[in-house]
Amino acid sequence: MPRYFADSPESLVPDALKGFAAAHADLVEHHPEHGYFRTRRTATPTPTTAGSAAAGRRVGLVSGGGSGHEPLHTGFLGAGLLDAVCPGQIFASPHNRQIFEASRAVAGSDGVLHIVKNYTGDRINFGIAAERLAHEDIRCARVLVDDDLATDSADIAVGRRGTGATLIVEKILGAAADEGRGLDELAALGADLSGRTRSLAVATAAHTTPGSGTPAFELPRDVLEFGVGIHGERAGGTAPHPPLTELVALMTDRLLAALPHAGLPGAAHGAPGRRRVLALVNGLGGVTSLELYGVRHALGGALKNRGVTLDRSLTGTFVSALDMRGFSLSLLATDDETLRLWDAPARTASWPR
């Protein structure tokens, strides 16, 4: 195992989870017997108490997914964001038992909301957990994040993958939950957010497979994968590696064209015909901050040249794919209410504000 600093491929995830729990013991509680983390901000609630989070929160927010995407999801556990997180093995869904136990632990008076990336394993395991919760009379709803533009095709039965927009949805729903909104209202808001967010990722090199220490796939020099997935899924094809400004402009055009709510007239969306967006510039694990800020600069220019207002942006590595040499762009069509929720305070291990 020459690539990763770990005792063995098998120890990589469990040792990391123990280390995260120790490093952020003021923010999170680790429950290794059931395989989940929860926030420390309140005492342990039950489904009949007044809520699991800050004053007014009536719904517990639970998310999770495979390890290897750090800081998603454990880094966004805490005040203003998630109540519980279930980490799986590398690029693998958490078990439904983890999700059930975590959900039962943080369910509020109006139940629990699952925020799920659109992958078959995640959908199955969160679905089974929801059925088990129903048997205990705990209300549960699901928000499915399916933002990946590269898999927006009728030929793909599962539909668009869930990628970088997951963090955007989690942050806004966390603020809404803190205002005391109910389960149905939060689920509707989450569906709306997912519907007006799209992401696209590119990479010049694959992630390194922990078991073998070798790249998951090979790319020639000066070639990139256009539309790569966060689990190392190959894109539909490769493309020449253009200058950054040209690459970001192409990605921006495709994202703007796919935003179903972009450019709607009316006061809620600014001046008639004027588009407004929130952007996430996200590293996939092997790209430096120096490069990511260059991407942010190129994105700002591309949006300005297209008459689009960039209301907010976040730049850094938030949804990684181990050490993949790539980045993703996510755009959310915004309005004033969305921005108000985005700007609400949060305190977690990895939220930067």
Protein backbone atom coordinates (compact mmCIF):
# COMPACT_ATOMS: atom_id res chain seq x y z
CA MET A 1 0.00 0.00 0.00
CA PRO A 2 2.52 2.63 -1.10
CA ARG A 3 0.21 5.60 -1.61
CA TYR A 4 -1.70 6.08 1.64
CA PHE A 5 -0.41 6.71 5.15
CA ALA A 6 -2.15 3.84 6.93
CA ASP A 7 -1.27 0.57 8.61
CA SER A 8 -3.31 -1.37 6.06
CA PRO A 9 -6.14 -0.81 3.59
CA GLU A 10 -8.51 -2.34 6.15
CA SER A 11 -7.47 0.09 8.90
CA LEU A 12 -7.78 3.24 6.82
CA VAL A 13 -11.46 3.99 7.53
CA PRO A 14 -11.83 2.80 11.16
CA ASP A 15 -8.66 4.58 12.27
CA ALA A 16 -9.78 7.77 10.53
CA LEU A 17 -13.18 7.67 12.22
CA LYS A 18 -11.60 7.24 15.64
CA GLY A 19 -9.20 10.07 14.91
CA PHE A 20 -11.99 12.36 13.77
CA ALA A 21 -13.95 11.64 16.94
CA ALA A 22 -10.93 12.45 19.09
CA ALA A 23 -9.98 15.58 17.15
CA HIS A 24 -13.50 17.03 17.34
CA ALA A 25 -14.71 15.65 20.65
CA ASP A 26 -16.20 19.05 21.51
CA LEU A 27 -18.52 18.85 18.50
CA VAL A 28 -19.40 15.20 17.88
CA GLU A 29 -20.19 11.95 19.63
CA HIS A 30 -19.00 8.71 18.02
CA HIS A 31 -21.19 5.63 18.42
CA PRO A 32 -18.99 2.89 16.95
CA GLU A 33 -21.26 0.08 18.12
CA HIS A 34 -23.92 1.38 15.72
CA GLY A 35 -21.59 3.03 13.22
CA TYR A 36 -22.71 6.64 13.36
CA PHE A 37 -21.78 10.10 14.63
CA ARG A 38 -24.13 12.64 16.16
CA THR A 39 -23.79 16.22 17.26
CA ARG A 40 -22.98 17.05 20.88
CA ARG A 41 -25.02 20.24 20.98
CA THR A 42 -27.90 18.75 23.03
CA ALA A 43 -28.59 15.80 25.26
CA THR A 44 -29.81 12.62 23.63
CA PRO A 45 -33.42 13.21 22.45
CA THR A 46 -36.20 10.74 21.87
CA PRO A 47 -38.82 10.89 19.12
CA THR A 48 -41.29 12.40 21.59
CA THR A 49 -39.13 15.26 22.80
CA ALA A 50 -39.25 18.81 21.51
CA GLY A 51 -36.51 18.33 18.96
CA SER A 52 -32.99 17.16 18.48
CA ALA A 53 -31.08 20.34 17.81
CA ALA A 54 -31.03 24.04 18.47
CA ALA A 55 -34.10 25.64 20.01
CA GLY A 56 -36.94 25.29 17.54
CA ARG A 57 -35.62 22.32 15.57
CA ARG A 58 -38.37 19.71 15.31
CA VAL A 59 -36.82 17.46 12.68
CA GLY A 60 -33.50 15.63 12.89
CA LEU A 61 -31.34 15.78 9.76
CA VAL A 62 -29.43 12.61 8.87
CA SER A 63 -27.08 12.01 5.97
CA GLY A 64 -24.25 9.67 5.13
CA GLY A 65 -22.40 7.82 2.45
CA GLY A 66 -19.15 6.17 1.63
CA SER A 67 -15.86 7.23 3.17
CA GLY A 68 -13.32 8.76 0.82
CA HIS A 69 -15.40 11.91 0.24
CA GLU A 70 -14.08 13.84 3.22
CA PRO A 71 -15.00 16.24 4.69
CA LEU A 72 -18.45 15.12 3.50
CA HIS A 73 -20.34 14.06 5.58
CA THR A 74 -18.80 14.01 9.06
CA GLY A 75 -17.24 17.44 8.64
CA PHE A 76 -20.69 19.00 8.39
CA LEU A 77 -22.14 17.55 11.56
CA GLY A 78 -23.08 20.19 14.11
CA ALA A 79 -25.00 23.37 14.83
CA GLY A 80 -26.78 24.70 11.77
CA LEU A 81 -26.18 21.59 9.69
CA LEU A 82 -26.61 17.85 10.30
CA ASP A 83 -27.72 16.04 13.45
CA ALA A 84 -26.26 12.63 12.60
CA VAL A 85 -24.00 11.12 9.96
CA CYS A 86 -23.48 7.50 8.90
CA PRO A 87 -20.12 6.77 7.22
CA GLY A 88 -19.73 3.66 5.07
CA GLN A 89 -16.62 1.96 3.79
CA ILE A 90 -14.65 3.50 0.91
CA PHE A 91 -17.17 4.58 -1.75
CA ALA A 92 -19.82 2.29 -0.22
CA SER A 93 -23.22 3.02 1.29
CA PRO A 94 -23.66 2.81 5.06
CA HIS A 95 -25.66 -0.17 6.27
CA ASN A 96 -29.35 0.35 6.94
CA ARG A 97 -28.74 -0.56 10.59
CA GLN A 98 -26.42 2.44 10.97
CA ILE A 99 -28.98 4.74 9.39
CA PHE A 100 -31.83 3.38 11.51
CA GLU A 101 -29.95 3.75 14.80
CA ALA A 102 -28.72 7.25 13.92
CA SER A 103 -32.20 8.35 12.85
CA ARG A 104 -33.83 6.98 15.97
CA ALA A 105 -31.25 8.75 18.12
CA VAL A 106 -31.81 12.23 16.66
CA ALA A 107 -35.45 12.16 15.54
CA GLY A 108 -37.33 15.24 16.69
CA SER A 109 -40.97 15.74 17.54
CA ASP A 110 -41.80 15.80 13.82
CA GLY A 111 -39.47 12.98 12.85
CA VAL A 112 -36.32 12.74 10.79
CA LEU A 113 -35.27 13.82 7.30
CA HIS A 114 -32.81 11.71 5.29
CA ILE A 115 -30.60 13.58 2.81
CA VAL A 116 -29.52 10.95 0.29
CA LYS A 117 -27.20 11.06 -2.72
CA ASN A 118 -28.69 9.31 -5.72
CA TYR A 119 -26.85 6.00 -5.78
CA THR A 120 -28.47 2.58 -5.74
CA GLY A 121 -26.88 1.41 -2.47
CA ASP A 122 -27.72 4.62 -0.63
CA ARG A 123 -31.30 4.58 -1.83
CA ILE A 124 -31.78 0.96 -0.79
CA ASN A 125 -30.24 1.29 2.68
CA PHE A 126 -31.88 4.60 3.54
CA GLY A 127 -35.16 3.13 2.29
CA ILE A 128 -34.90 0.08 4.53
CA ALA A 129 -34.05 2.31 7.49
CA ALA A 130 -37.12 4.43 6.76
CA GLU A 131 -39.31 1.31 6.80
CA ARG A 132 -37.87 0.29 10.15
CA LEU A 133 -38.54 3.78 11.52
CA ALA A 134 -42.15 3.57 10.37
CA HIS A 135 -42.57 0.40 12.42
CA GLU A 136 -41.61 2.47 15.48
CA ASP A 137 -43.99 5.29 14.51
CA ILE A 138 -41.15 7.69 13.76
CA ARG A 139 -41.97 9.93 10.83
CA CYS A 140 -39.37 9.93 8.08
CA ALA A 141 -39.00 11.65 4.72
CA ARG A 142 -36.23 11.71 2.14
CA VAL A 143 -34.55 14.35 0.01
CA LEU A 144 -32.80 12.81 -2.99
CA VAL A 145 -29.87 14.84 -4.32
CA ASP A 146 -29.33 14.20 -8.04
CA ASP A 147 -27.31 17.10 -9.38
CA ASP A 148 -24.72 15.48 -11.67
CA LEU A 149 -25.14 16.86 -15.17
CA ALA A 150 -22.89 14.21 -16.72
CA THR A 151 -25.43 11.48 -15.94
CA ASP A 152 -28.51 13.41 -17.06
CA SER A 153 -29.54 10.89 -19.68
CA ALA A 154 -32.58 8.74 -20.38
CA ASP A 155 -30.17 5.85 -20.97
CA ILE A 156 -29.17 5.84 -17.28
CA ALA A 157 -31.87 4.03 -15.33
CA VAL A 158 -30.85 5.35 -11.90
CA GLY A 159 -30.78 8.95 -13.11
CA ARG A 160 -28.37 11.74 -12.22
CA ARG A 161 -25.80 10.98 -9.53
CA GLY A 162 -25.69 12.92 -6.28
CA THR A 163 -22.44 14.89 -5.99
CA GLY A 164 -21.26 18.32 -4.83
CA ALA A 165 -24.71 19.86 -4.43
CA THR A 166 -25.25 17.60 -1.41
CA LEU A 167 -23.41 20.10 0.78
CA ILE A 168 -25.48 23.00 -0.56
CA VAL A 169 -28.71 21.16 0.19
CA GLU A 170 -27.54 20.14 3.68
CA LYS A 171 -26.55 23.68 4.61
CA ILE A 172 -29.78 25.33 3.55
CA LEU A 173 -31.95 22.60 5.07
CA GLY A 174 -30.01 22.89 8.33
CA ALA A 175 -30.84 26.57 8.61
CA ALA A 176 -34.48 25.91 7.74
CA ALA A 177 -34.71 23.14 10.33
CA ASP A 178 -33.33 25.49 12.98
CA GLU A 179 -36.30 27.77 12.31
CA GLY A 180 -38.63 25.01 13.42
CA ARG A 181 -39.97 23.97 10.04
CA GLY A 182 -41.82 20.67 9.90
CA LEU A 183 -40.89 17.48 8.08
CA ASP A 184 -43.12 18.00 5.06
CA GLU A 185 -41.96 21.58 4.55
CA LEU A 186 -38.30 20.59 4.80
CA ALA A 187 -38.75 17.72 2.37
CA ALA A 188 -40.42 20.05 -0.13
CA LEU A 189 -37.65 22.62 0.25
CA GLY A 190 -34.99 19.95 -0.24
CA ALA A 191 -36.65 18.68 -3.42
CA ASP A 192 -36.82 22.24 -4.75
CA LEU A 193 -33.15 22.88 -3.97
CA SER A 194 -32.06 19.65 -5.63
CA GLY A 195 -34.15 20.53 -8.67
CA ARG A 196 -32.43 23.86 -9.19
CA THR A 197 -28.84 22.74 -8.64
CA ARG A 198 -26.51 21.11 -11.15
CA SER A 199 -22.89 19.98 -10.93
CA LEU A 200 -20.18 18.94 -13.36
CA ALA A 201 -16.74 17.46 -12.62
CA VAL A 202 -13.53 17.03 -14.59
CA ALA A 203 -10.30 15.19 -13.77
CA THR A 204 -6.82 14.73 -15.20
CA ALA A 205 -6.01 11.66 -13.08
CA ALA A 206 -7.99 9.00 -11.26
CA HIS A 207 -8.02 8.37 -7.53
CA THR A 208 -5.61 5.81 -6.08
CA THR A 209 -7.30 2.54 -5.08
CA PRO A 210 -6.47 1.90 -1.40
CA GLY A 211 -6.13 -1.86 -1.77
CA SER A 212 -3.65 -1.81 -4.63
CA GLY A 213 -2.06 1.62 -4.42
CA THR A 214 -2.59 2.02 -8.17
CA PRO A 215 -4.76 4.50 -10.13
CA ALA A 216 -8.32 3.41 -10.81
CA PHE A 217 -7.80 4.28 -14.47
CA GLU A 218 -5.09 5.78 -16.67
CA LEU A 219 -5.23 8.97 -18.72
CA PRO A 220 -2.74 10.21 -21.30
CA ARG A 221 -0.97 13.48 -20.68
CA ASP A 222 -2.95 16.59 -21.69
CA VAL A 223 -6.25 14.67 -21.66
CA LEU A 224 -9.05 14.98 -19.11
CA GLU A 225 -12.20 13.12 -18.18
CA PHE A 226 -15.14 15.48 -18.74
CA GLY A 227 -18.00 14.42 -16.48
CA VAL A 228 -16.23 12.13 -14.04
CA GLY A 229 -18.02 10.76 -10.95
CA ILE A 230 -17.01 11.07 -7.30
CA HIS A 231 -16.47 7.30 -6.99
CA GLY A 232 -14.02 7.22 -9.84
CA GLU A 233 -16.66 6.54 -12.48
CA ARG A 234 -15.30 7.23 -15.94
CA ALA A 235 -16.85 10.03 -17.95
CA GLY A 236 -18.68 9.43 -21.19
CA GLY A 237 -15.46 10.31 -22.97
CA THR A 238 -12.15 12.11 -22.73
CA ALA A 239 -11.30 15.52 -24.15
CA PRO A 240 -8.18 17.58 -24.77
CA HIS A 241 -7.14 19.58 -21.72
CA PRO A 242 -7.81 23.22 -22.68
CA PRO A 243 -6.59 26.33 -20.82
CA LEU A 244 -8.43 26.83 -17.54
CA THR A 245 -10.49 29.85 -18.65
CA GLU A 246 -11.76 27.95 -21.67
CA LEU A 247 -12.52 24.82 -19.64
CA VAL A 248 -14.46 26.70 -16.95
CA ALA A 249 -16.39 28.66 -19.57
CA LEU A 250 -17.48 25.42 -21.22
CA MET A 251 -18.54 23.92 -17.90
CA THR A 252 -20.39 27.11 -16.96
CA ASP A 253 -22.34 27.15 -20.22
CA ARG A 254 -23.47 23.58 -19.74
CA LEU A 255 -24.48 24.14 -16.14
CA LEU A 256 -26.42 27.32 -16.87
CA ALA A 257 -28.25 25.66 -19.73
CA ALA A 258 -29.32 22.84 -17.40
CA LEU A 259 -30.57 24.95 -14.49
CA PRO A 260 -34.35 24.55 -14.74
CA HIS A 261 -35.17 27.63 -12.65
CA ALA A 262 -32.41 29.95 -13.84
CA GLY A 263 -33.46 33.26 -15.31
CA LEU A 264 -37.06 33.28 -14.12
CA PRO A 265 -38.46 36.82 -14.10
CA GLY A 266 -39.84 38.46 -11.01
CA ALA A 267 -38.63 40.05 -7.79
CA ALA A 268 -37.70 36.72 -6.21
CA HIS A 269 -35.04 36.22 -8.88
CA GLY A 270 -33.81 39.80 -9.21
CA ALA A 271 -34.48 42.00 -12.20
CA PRO A 272 -36.58 40.33 -14.92
CA GLY A 273 -34.44 38.03 -17.04
CA ARG A 274 -31.41 38.36 -14.76
CA ARG A 275 -30.00 35.09 -13.46
CA ARG A 276 -28.56 34.72 -9.97
CA VAL A 277 -26.56 31.76 -8.71
CA LEU A 278 -24.67 30.40 -5.74
CA ALA A 279 -21.51 28.51 -6.71
CA LEU A 280 -19.47 25.73 -5.14
CA VAL A 281 -15.93 25.29 -6.47
CA ASN A 282 -14.97 21.90 -5.11
CA GLY A 283 -11.71 19.98 -5.19
CA LEU A 284 -11.85 16.22 -5.66
CA GLY A 285 -8.90 15.55 -3.35
CA GLY A 286 -5.72 15.95 -5.38
CA VAL A 287 -6.03 19.56 -6.56
CA THR A 288 -4.25 22.32 -4.66
CA SER A 289 -5.90 25.39 -3.16
CA LEU A 290 -3.79 27.45 -5.53
CA GLU A 291 -5.52 25.80 -8.48
CA LEU A 292 -9.00 25.95 -6.95
CA TYR A 293 -8.79 29.69 -6.43
CA GLY A 294 -7.75 29.98 -10.05
CA VAL A 295 -10.91 28.05 -10.95
CA ARG A 296 -12.94 30.45 -8.80
CA HIS A 297 -11.43 33.42 -10.66
CA ALA A 298 -12.27 31.85 -14.02
CA LEU A 299 -15.81 31.06 -12.90
CA GLY A 300 -16.42 34.62 -11.76
CA GLY A 301 -15.33 35.91 -15.15
CA ALA A 302 -17.44 33.37 -17.05
CA LEU A 303 -20.58 34.24 -15.11
CA LYS A 304 -20.02 37.98 -15.48
CA ASN A 305 -19.53 37.62 -19.23
CA ARG A 306 -22.86 35.82 -19.43
CA GLY A 307 -24.79 38.38 -17.41
CA VAL A 308 -25.22 36.11 -14.41
CA THR A 309 -24.96 37.49 -10.87
CA LEU A 310 -22.82 35.40 -8.51
CA ASP A 311 -24.55 35.96 -5.18
CA ARG A 312 -22.39 33.66 -3.06
CA SER A 313 -19.53 31.22 -3.57
CA LEU A 314 -17.60 28.64 -1.60
CA THR A 315 -14.18 27.39 -2.68
CA GLY A 316 -12.23 24.44 -1.30
CA THR A 317 -12.25 20.67 -0.99
CA PHE A 318 -15.64 19.68 0.43
CA VAL A 319 -16.71 16.55 -1.48
CA SER A 320 -13.57 14.68 -2.44
CA ALA A 321 -12.94 11.41 -4.27
CA LEU A 322 -9.91 10.28 -2.28
CA ASP A 323 -6.94 11.84 -4.14
CA MET A 324 -8.48 12.37 -7.59
CA ARG A 325 -6.82 15.14 -9.62
CA GLY A 326 -9.95 17.04 -10.50
CA PHE A 327 -12.58 19.56 -9.48
CA SER A 328 -16.32 20.06 -9.72
CA LEU A 329 -18.51 23.11 -10.19
CA SER A 330 -22.01 23.31 -8.70
CA LEU A 331 -24.48 26.10 -9.43
CA LEU A 332 -27.71 26.75 -7.54
CA ALA A 333 -30.28 29.17 -8.96
CA THR A 334 -30.87 31.48 -6.00
CA ASP A 335 -33.41 33.87 -4.56
CA ASP A 336 -33.37 36.08 -1.47
CA GLU A 337 -34.86 33.42 0.82
CA THR A 338 -32.31 30.85 -0.27
CA LEU A 339 -29.46 33.27 0.41
CA ARG A 340 -30.85 34.11 3.84
CA LEU A 341 -30.76 30.46 4.81
CA TRP A 342 -27.31 29.96 3.27
CA ASP A 343 -25.96 32.87 5.33
CA ALA A 344 -27.28 31.49 8.64
CA PRO A 345 -24.49 30.60 11.09
CA ALA A 346 -23.20 27.05 11.44
CA ARG A 347 -20.46 25.45 13.51
CA THR A 348 -19.01 22.14 12.43
CA ALA A 349 -15.55 20.67 11.99
CA SER A 350 -15.33 21.70 8.31
CA TRP A 351 -17.84 24.46 7.65
CA PRO A 352 -15.63 27.45 6.80
CA ARG A 353 -17.78 30.35 8.00
